[in-house]
Structures are given as structure tokens and as C-alpha cells.
């Protein structure tokens, strides 16, 4: 299990023990129990908009936003995928209990792709809940991390157990085995040219995979940095988190730049680039979102002292969405995100 996963699991379990069943929610059962939808919130406080999960066992993990504004999220300890639309959270059944559901991305047509480690599969879910799964090679244990979509529709994902970054395209699964010893790939991003980038937590490297399958590993200047989430901006610069050394890294034109985060031991998780080029991330232990813009850090404290932001996504309007392991899905509105 990666350092990020360990920290997340500890925070999630701590929050799970503290939370009980909600009694004030309005619950609507649709299609004879096939889809659950409820309105819990939104709560507006301290400039944030938040929606609380219905069950104490629901731990929102990965998050992604569709072109139409629908917010998708995975749920630890649940057999469903979460969706926020029309002001309501829905649970779309997927059939198997989620275990560390780290990978999620939404295609231009609104379908969600996600990693399904218990099923040893990469799956696709339509907005109405129909599922298509693509089985991976059978192994005793499958540990899948983040997932990203390429401009050609290919699905890329990190597979720790196979020591690979793997591509799924036109139903064909192609693993690209990484040369480093026990590299533990975690984050994945794809640039506009179809180049896949990944972080290797066990090797403190970046991996680059060309569309024709050539793999290159690049040493990060800070050793034992534990690189985790990764994103590519509109100019092609690669941004990544250094979990163990509390830095934001940037790789562009063959050069690295590292930005130490002012808050010590923030436990950086989740990474996204906004339309204005600002870089957003979660601070798991600091109960905050962070923004890096023009070399300057700004911190946005979440409205609850026990908040544990884990994944971050930015929609087309510039709203910042995040999952909180203590049972919340939240939004920092664009107007506030751009301020300060």
C-alpha cells in the first residue's frame, strides 16, 4: 500500500468511527432500489458548498467532473459510484464493494471510467448506470491507483502489482512495465499529444510513455520524495506532488522546479490545474485546499476542523471540487477560488 493510501485509510477510518447515521436526510428510492438519491445539503459555510454522505460507511475518494457539470466520485466501503447532479447525490450500483477506489475520469461523452481492484478490471459506467468491464490479467492481488484519459480515448492507469502503467484502448489492454525495482506507480496524466506521465512512488521518479510505447524514467531531484498525484497544464508542463517531502514539483523543457509548501507536514493529496493555470491540491492533515499561482501559495481552510480533503478536480467554470474522507463532497466556488 502506498504512503498516500496509508494516510488516507487512517484518516477515513478515524472519520468513520466518529460519524453516525444521518436522521435528517430526505431519501428518495428510484427504480425499486436500483438507484438511491438523496439531498443532504448543500451547506454553505465559510465560502464553501458541501454535501454530506448519507451513510457513515460512505467515504468519498476519487472525484471527476463531466463536461455537463455532473460530479462523479468513488466511494470506499460501498458497492456503488456516486454522482452529484440536479442538487442530489445518487449512488449507482456497481456490484462489488470498493476497496481503495483511487482511479476515476470522465470522458467527453459523460461516461465515467474507474479502477475496480476487487473485480480486477477497468470499468465504464454510463450516466444511467450501465456498466461495461474490461478484465485484467488474473493475479492473486490487484492494486490499481490513479487513472486518466488520453485525447484518443485511451484509458491509462497505474498498476502497482504489475509494476506497470497500462493502456486500455479499443478493448485491448497493453501494460508498459517500468524498469525500476518495485516502482509503485501511483499518479497518471496524459498530455494533449497523447503522452502518458506517471509518478513512481517507490523510485522517486517520473515515467513518460510515448504514444508508440517507449518508456523513459526521469529522476526527481529530491530523493525519497514519494511523488503521488500528477497533472499536465495547457502549456504541457507536468505538475506533481511530493508527498514525503511536502513539495509541489514542476517539470517542463527538461528542467525541474520544486516549490516547498509553507504548511509543514501537510500530507499533500489530489492535484488539478484550473483553466487560469493555477495549481490546486489538498492538504490532508491541514484540513485545507492549497493553490499555487505565479509561484505564490494560498491556503483555503475547509469549514470543519476534522476535514480530510483527498482528491481534487476543477470544472470548466473554475469551481474546485474535492472529496473529504470524513464523508463530504465539497466545492470552492470559482469566484472565491480566483480571489486573493
Protein backbone atom coordinates (compact mmCIF):
# COMPACT_ATOMS: atom_id res chain seq x y z
CA UNK A 1 0.00 0.00 0.00
CA UNK A 2 1.37 3.47 -0.91
CA UNK A 3 2.15 6.18 1.63
CA UNK A 4 -0.78 8.20 0.31
CA UNK A 5 -3.14 5.24 0.64
CA UNK A 6 -1.97 4.54 4.18
CA UNK A 7 -2.55 8.15 5.27
CA UNK A 8 -5.92 8.23 3.54
CA UNK A 9 -7.08 4.94 5.04
CA UNK A 10 -6.15 6.07 8.56
CA UNK A 11 -7.98 9.37 8.13
CA UNK A 12 -11.02 7.67 6.62
CA UNK A 13 -11.31 5.06 9.34
CA UNK A 14 -10.96 7.71 12.03
CA UNK A 15 -13.80 9.70 10.48
CA UNK A 16 -15.91 6.58 10.02
CA UNK A 17 -15.73 5.82 13.74
CA UNK A 18 -16.87 9.33 14.62
CA UNK A 19 -19.84 9.52 12.26
CA UNK A 20 -23.26 8.01 12.78
CA UNK A 21 -26.25 7.58 10.55
CA UNK A 22 -27.94 10.80 9.49
CA UNK A 23 -31.54 11.15 10.56
CA UNK A 24 -32.43 14.39 8.81
CA UNK A 25 -31.83 13.36 5.21
CA UNK A 26 -34.61 13.20 2.69
CA UNK A 27 -34.27 9.84 0.95
CA UNK A 28 -35.75 9.04 -2.42
CA UNK A 29 -35.65 5.47 -3.73
CA UNK A 30 -35.70 5.20 -7.51
CA UNK A 31 -36.29 2.13 -9.70
CA UNK A 32 -37.14 -0.29 -6.91
CA UNK A 33 -33.92 0.32 -5.03
CA UNK A 34 -31.61 0.20 -8.05
CA UNK A 35 -30.54 3.82 -7.65
CA UNK A 36 -30.52 5.77 -4.41
CA UNK A 37 -30.71 9.56 -4.47
CA UNK A 38 -30.83 11.97 -1.59
CA UNK A 39 -30.49 15.61 -0.80
CA UNK A 40 -28.19 16.17 2.18
CA UNK A 41 -27.32 19.84 1.99
CA UNK A 42 -25.96 21.76 0.35
CA UNK A 43 -24.45 23.54 3.32
CA UNK A 44 -22.97 26.97 2.63
CA UNK A 45 -20.33 27.95 5.16
CA UNK A 46 -17.03 29.80 5.18
CA UNK A 47 -17.33 30.29 1.42
CA UNK A 48 -17.65 26.56 0.66
CA UNK A 49 -20.59 24.45 -0.54
CA UNK A 50 -20.68 20.93 0.92
CA UNK A 51 -22.81 17.80 0.60
CA UNK A 52 -22.73 15.13 3.29
CA UNK A 53 -22.84 11.42 2.57
CA UNK A 54 -25.90 9.55 3.80
CA UNK A 55 -24.16 6.62 5.46
CA UNK A 56 -21.36 6.51 7.99
CA UNK A 57 -19.71 3.83 5.88
CA UNK A 58 -19.52 6.02 2.73
CA UNK A 59 -16.07 7.53 2.25
CA UNK A 60 -15.79 9.60 -0.97
CA UNK A 61 -12.37 9.07 -2.52
CA UNK A 62 -11.64 9.99 -6.17
CA UNK A 63 -13.54 12.79 -7.95
CA UNK A 64 -14.01 13.89 -11.57
CA UNK A 65 -16.33 16.34 -13.33
CA UNK A 66 -18.17 15.70 -16.61
CA UNK A 67 -18.44 18.35 -19.34
CA UNK A 68 -22.08 18.98 -18.36
CA UNK A 69 -21.09 19.69 -14.74
CA UNK A 70 -22.10 16.33 -13.28
CA UNK A 71 -19.72 15.41 -10.46
CA UNK A 72 -18.69 11.76 -10.18
CA UNK A 73 -16.92 10.25 -7.19
CA UNK A 74 -15.88 6.83 -5.96
CA UNK A 75 -16.90 5.61 -2.50
CA UNK A 76 -14.72 3.48 -0.25
CA UNK A 77 -16.60 0.67 1.56
CA UNK A 78 -19.53 0.91 -0.89
CA UNK A 79 -20.71 -1.15 -3.85
CA UNK A 80 -21.67 1.98 -5.79
CA UNK A 81 -20.30 5.00 -7.66
CA UNK A 82 -21.51 8.41 -6.50
CA UNK A 83 -22.94 11.15 -8.72
CA UNK A 84 -23.98 14.71 -7.88
CA UNK A 85 -26.47 16.19 -10.33
CA UNK A 86 -29.51 18.45 -10.02
CA UNK A 87 -28.50 19.15 -6.42
CA UNK A 88 -28.81 15.49 -5.38
CA UNK A 89 -26.26 12.81 -4.66
CA UNK A 90 -27.03 9.44 -6.24
CA UNK A 91 -25.46 6.03 -5.73
CA UNK A 92 -25.25 3.96 -8.91
CA UNK A 93 -24.70 0.27 -8.02
CA UNK A 94 -21.59 -1.39 -9.45
CA UNK A 95 -21.94 -4.85 -7.93
CA UNK A 96 -18.76 -5.21 -5.86
CA UNK A 97 -17.53 -3.47 -2.74
CA UNK A 98 -14.97 -0.74 -3.43
CA UNK A 99 -11.51 -1.16 -1.92
CA UNK A 100 -9.19 1.84 -2.37
CA UNK A 101 -11.06 3.12 -5.45
CA UNK A 102 -8.35 5.58 -6.49
CA UNK A 103 -8.88 5.87 -10.26
CA UNK A 104 -11.67 7.90 -11.89
CA UNK A 105 -12.04 10.01 -15.02
CA UNK A 106 -14.96 11.19 -17.16
CA UNK A 107 -14.94 11.06 -20.96
CA UNK A 108 -16.28 13.84 -23.22
CA UNK A 109 -19.49 11.81 -23.74
CA UNK A 110 -20.18 11.85 -19.99
CA UNK A 111 -19.31 8.23 -19.25
CA UNK A 112 -17.15 7.56 -16.20
CA UNK A 113 -14.14 5.25 -16.21
CA UNK A 114 -12.90 3.83 -12.94
CA UNK A 115 -10.50 1.30 -11.46
CA UNK A 116 -12.09 -1.75 -9.85
CA UNK A 117 -9.37 -3.63 -7.98
CA UNK A 118 -11.67 -6.25 -6.36
CA UNK A 119 -13.02 -7.18 -9.81
CA UNK A 120 -9.53 -6.98 -11.39
CA UNK A 121 -11.00 -4.72 -14.04
CA UNK A 122 -11.26 -1.28 -15.56
CA UNK A 123 -14.92 -0.37 -15.90
CA UNK A 124 -17.03 2.19 -17.69
CA UNK A 125 -20.36 3.48 -16.37
CA UNK A 126 -22.89 5.49 -18.35
CA UNK A 127 -24.86 8.30 -16.68
CA UNK A 128 -27.84 5.95 -16.33
CA UNK A 129 -25.74 3.32 -14.55
CA UNK A 130 -24.98 0.80 -17.31
CA UNK A 131 -21.58 -0.86 -16.81
CA UNK A 132 -19.04 -2.37 -19.19
CA UNK A 133 -15.97 -4.01 -17.65
CA UNK A 134 -12.62 -4.94 -19.15
CA UNK A 135 -10.88 -7.69 -17.22
CA UNK A 136 -7.18 -7.51 -16.44
CA UNK A 137 -4.72 -10.37 -16.11
CA UNK A 138 -5.58 -12.64 -13.19
CA UNK A 139 -3.31 -12.07 -10.18
CA UNK A 140 -3.76 -13.01 -6.50
CA UNK A 141 -3.95 -9.31 -5.61
CA UNK A 142 -4.63 -6.36 -7.87
CA UNK A 143 -3.70 -2.86 -6.67
CA UNK A 144 -4.76 -0.14 -9.09
CA UNK A 145 -4.08 3.53 -8.45
CA UNK A 146 -4.99 6.66 -10.45
CA UNK A 147 -6.49 6.68 -13.94
CA UNK A 148 -6.54 9.21 -16.80
CA UNK A 149 -7.98 9.51 -20.31
CA UNK A 150 -6.00 10.40 -23.41
CA UNK A 151 -7.14 12.62 -26.30
CA UNK A 152 -7.57 9.49 -28.45
CA UNK A 153 -9.95 7.92 -25.92
CA UNK A 154 -7.34 5.57 -24.46
CA UNK A 155 -7.58 4.84 -20.75
CA UNK A 156 -4.29 4.88 -18.84
CA UNK A 157 -3.90 3.61 -15.29
CA UNK A 158 -1.24 2.77 -12.72
CA UNK A 159 -0.99 -0.90 -11.76
CA UNK A 160 1.22 -1.38 -8.70
CA UNK A 161 1.03 -5.17 -8.69
CA UNK A 162 2.17 -5.44 -12.32
CA UNK A 163 4.81 -2.68 -11.88
CA UNK A 164 3.32 -1.03 -14.94
CA UNK A 165 1.48 1.88 -16.43
CA UNK A 166 -1.17 0.25 -18.58
CA UNK A 167 -3.22 1.41 -21.56
CA UNK A 168 -6.72 0.24 -22.46
CA UNK A 169 -7.70 1.17 -25.99
CA UNK A 170 -10.36 -0.38 -28.22
CA UNK A 171 -10.77 -3.16 -25.67
CA UNK A 172 -7.08 -4.13 -25.76
CA UNK A 173 -5.04 -3.96 -22.55
CA UNK A 174 -1.35 -3.11 -23.03
CA UNK A 175 0.91 -2.96 -19.96
CA UNK A 176 4.15 -0.97 -20.09
CA UNK A 177 6.40 -2.49 -17.45
CA UNK A 178 8.59 0.04 -15.67
CA UNK A 179 12.32 -0.73 -15.43
CA UNK A 180 12.82 0.49 -11.84
CA UNK A 181 12.79 -2.02 -9.00
CA UNK A 182 9.36 -2.02 -7.31
CA UNK A 183 8.44 1.37 -8.75
CA UNK A 184 4.93 1.54 -7.23
CA UNK A 185 3.31 3.73 -9.91
CA UNK A 186 0.59 5.95 -8.48
CA UNK A 187 -0.46 9.07 -10.39
CA UNK A 188 -1.23 9.18 -14.13
CA UNK A 189 -1.86 12.08 -16.51
CA UNK A 190 -1.96 12.36 -20.30
CA UNK A 191 -0.94 15.46 -22.27
CA UNK A 192 -2.52 16.87 -25.42
CA UNK A 193 -0.15 14.88 -27.65
CA UNK A 194 -1.17 11.58 -26.05
CA UNK A 195 1.99 11.25 -23.95
CA UNK A 196 1.31 9.47 -20.66
CA UNK A 197 3.05 10.64 -17.49
CA UNK A 198 3.19 8.79 -14.18
CA UNK A 199 4.70 9.14 -10.73
CA UNK A 200 6.74 6.27 -9.31
CA UNK A 201 6.47 6.40 -5.54
CA UNK A 202 8.90 3.58 -4.91
CA UNK A 203 11.59 5.02 -7.18
CA UNK A 204 11.08 8.80 -6.74
CA UNK A 205 10.86 9.21 -10.49
CA UNK A 206 8.55 10.34 -13.23
CA UNK A 207 7.77 7.97 -16.08
CA UNK A 208 6.98 9.12 -19.61
CA UNK A 209 5.36 6.80 -22.15
CA UNK A 210 5.09 7.90 -25.76
CA UNK A 211 2.07 7.00 -27.90
CA UNK A 212 4.18 4.30 -29.59
CA UNK A 213 5.07 2.75 -26.22
CA UNK A 214 8.59 4.00 -25.49
CA UNK A 215 9.16 4.25 -21.72
CA UNK A 216 11.55 6.77 -20.13
CA UNK A 217 12.13 7.25 -16.40
CA UNK A 218 13.28 10.62 -15.09
CA UNK A 219 14.86 11.11 -11.65
CA UNK A 220 13.22 13.73 -9.44
CA UNK A 221 15.88 15.99 -7.82
CA UNK A 222 14.68 15.29 -4.27
CA UNK A 223 15.27 11.67 -3.38
CA UNK A 224 12.71 9.65 -1.39
CA UNK A 225 10.14 12.33 -2.20
CA UNK A 226 7.22 9.91 -2.62
CA UNK A 227 5.67 11.51 -5.73
CA UNK A 228 1.93 10.94 -5.87
CA UNK A 229 -0.68 12.82 -7.89
CA UNK A 230 0.22 14.35 -11.25
CA UNK A 231 -1.35 16.72 -13.80
CA UNK A 232 -0.38 18.39 -17.07
CA UNK A 233 -1.25 22.04 -17.73
CA UNK A 234 -2.33 23.62 -21.02
CA UNK A 235 1.27 24.52 -21.90
CA UNK A 236 2.43 20.93 -21.42
CA UNK A 237 4.19 21.44 -18.08
CA UNK A 238 3.96 18.44 -15.76
CA UNK A 239 2.99 19.13 -12.14
CA UNK A 240 3.23 16.58 -9.34
CA UNK A 241 3.04 16.26 -5.57
CA UNK A 242 5.95 15.15 -3.39
CA UNK A 243 4.11 13.53 -0.52
CA UNK A 244 7.05 12.73 1.76
CA UNK A 245 8.95 16.00 1.29
CA UNK A 246 5.97 18.37 1.24
CA UNK A 247 6.69 19.97 -2.14
CA UNK A 248 4.98 20.71 -5.43
CA UNK A 249 7.12 19.73 -8.41
CA UNK A 250 7.09 21.04 -11.98
CA UNK A 251 8.83 19.51 -14.99
CA UNK A 252 9.00 21.49 -18.23
CA UNK A 253 11.53 21.81 -21.05
CA UNK A 254 13.71 19.17 -19.45
CA UNK A 255 14.05 21.01 -16.14
CA UNK A 256 12.60 20.55 -12.66
CA UNK A 257 11.37 23.27 -10.33
CA UNK A 258 10.28 22.43 -6.78
CA UNK A 259 8.08 24.59 -4.56
CA UNK A 260 8.14 23.84 -0.79
CA UNK A 261 4.64 24.08 0.69
CA UNK A 262 4.58 26.58 3.61
CA UNK A 263 2.41 24.41 5.88
CA UNK A 264 4.67 21.74 7.39
CA UNK A 265 3.71 18.08 7.02
CA UNK A 266 0.53 18.98 5.13
CA UNK A 267 0.15 15.48 3.59
CA UNK A 268 -0.43 16.64 0.02
CA UNK A 269 -3.10 14.70 -1.88
CA UNK A 270 -5.11 15.38 -5.02
CA UNK A 271 -3.92 17.65 -7.82
CA UNK A 272 -5.64 19.60 -10.59
CA UNK A 273 -4.88 22.56 -12.84
CA UNK A 274 -7.56 25.23 -13.24
CA UNK A 275 -8.40 26.99 -16.53
CA UNK A 276 -6.41 30.05 -15.37
CA UNK A 277 -3.29 27.90 -14.86
CA UNK A 278 -3.38 27.84 -11.07
CA UNK A 279 -2.49 24.52 -9.45
CA UNK A 280 -4.82 23.12 -6.78
CA UNK A 281 -4.20 20.40 -4.22
CA UNK A 282 -5.46 19.03 -0.92
CA UNK A 283 -3.71 19.24 2.44
CA UNK A 284 -4.96 16.13 4.22
CA UNK A 285 -3.52 16.92 7.65
CA UNK A 286 -4.08 20.68 7.47
CA UNK A 287 -7.82 20.45 6.62
CA UNK A 288 -7.31 22.82 3.71
CA UNK A 289 -7.11 23.26 -0.04
CA UNK A 290 -3.98 24.84 -1.43
CA UNK A 291 -3.41 26.95 -4.53
CA UNK A 292 -0.10 27.65 -6.26
CA UNK A 293 -0.34 30.58 -8.65
CA UNK A 294 2.57 32.55 -10.09
CA UNK A 295 4.86 30.95 -7.52
CA UNK A 296 2.71 32.05 -4.56
CA UNK A 297 0.88 29.68 -2.22
CA UNK A 298 -2.57 30.47 -0.83
CA UNK A 299 -4.38 28.24 1.65
CA UNK A 300 -8.18 27.88 1.89
CA UNK A 301 -9.17 26.35 5.21
CA UNK A 302 -12.14 23.99 4.99
CA UNK A 303 -15.10 24.78 7.26
CA UNK A 304 -14.60 21.79 9.57
CA UNK A 305 -11.55 21.19 11.77
CA UNK A 306 -11.70 17.44 11.08
CA UNK A 307 -11.86 17.81 7.27
CA UNK A 308 -9.57 15.48 5.31
CA UNK A 309 -9.51 16.55 1.64
CA UNK A 310 -8.23 13.74 -0.55
CA UNK A 311 -8.96 14.24 -4.27
CA UNK A 312 -9.39 17.48 -6.23
CA UNK A 313 -10.97 18.31 -9.60
CA UNK A 314 -11.73 21.57 -11.44
CA UNK A 315 -14.77 22.05 -13.66
CA UNK A 316 -14.98 24.18 -16.81
CA UNK A 317 -16.27 27.18 -14.84
CA UNK A 318 -13.28 27.07 -12.49
CA UNK A 319 -15.09 25.66 -9.45
CA UNK A 320 -12.83 23.49 -7.27
CA UNK A 321 -14.37 20.17 -6.22
CA UNK A 322 -12.96 17.90 -3.53
CA UNK A 323 -13.71 14.72 -1.65
CA UNK A 324 -13.37 14.71 2.12
CA UNK A 325 -12.63 11.33 3.67
CA UNK A 326 -14.84 12.21 6.61
CA UNK A 327 -17.92 11.86 4.44
CA UNK A 328 -18.31 15.04 2.42
CA UNK A 329 -18.23 16.20 -1.18
CA UNK A 330 -17.41 19.90 -1.43
CA UNK A 331 -16.98 22.84 -3.77
CA UNK A 332 -14.99 26.04 -3.55
CA UNK A 333 -16.87 28.39 -5.94
CA UNK A 334 -14.86 29.82 -8.82
CA UNK A 335 -15.25 33.44 -7.74
CA UNK A 336 -13.65 32.69 -4.38
CA UNK A 337 -11.05 30.38 -5.90
CA UNK A 338 -9.85 33.18 -8.18
CA UNK A 339 -9.77 35.80 -5.42
CA UNK A 340 -6.95 36.66 -3.02
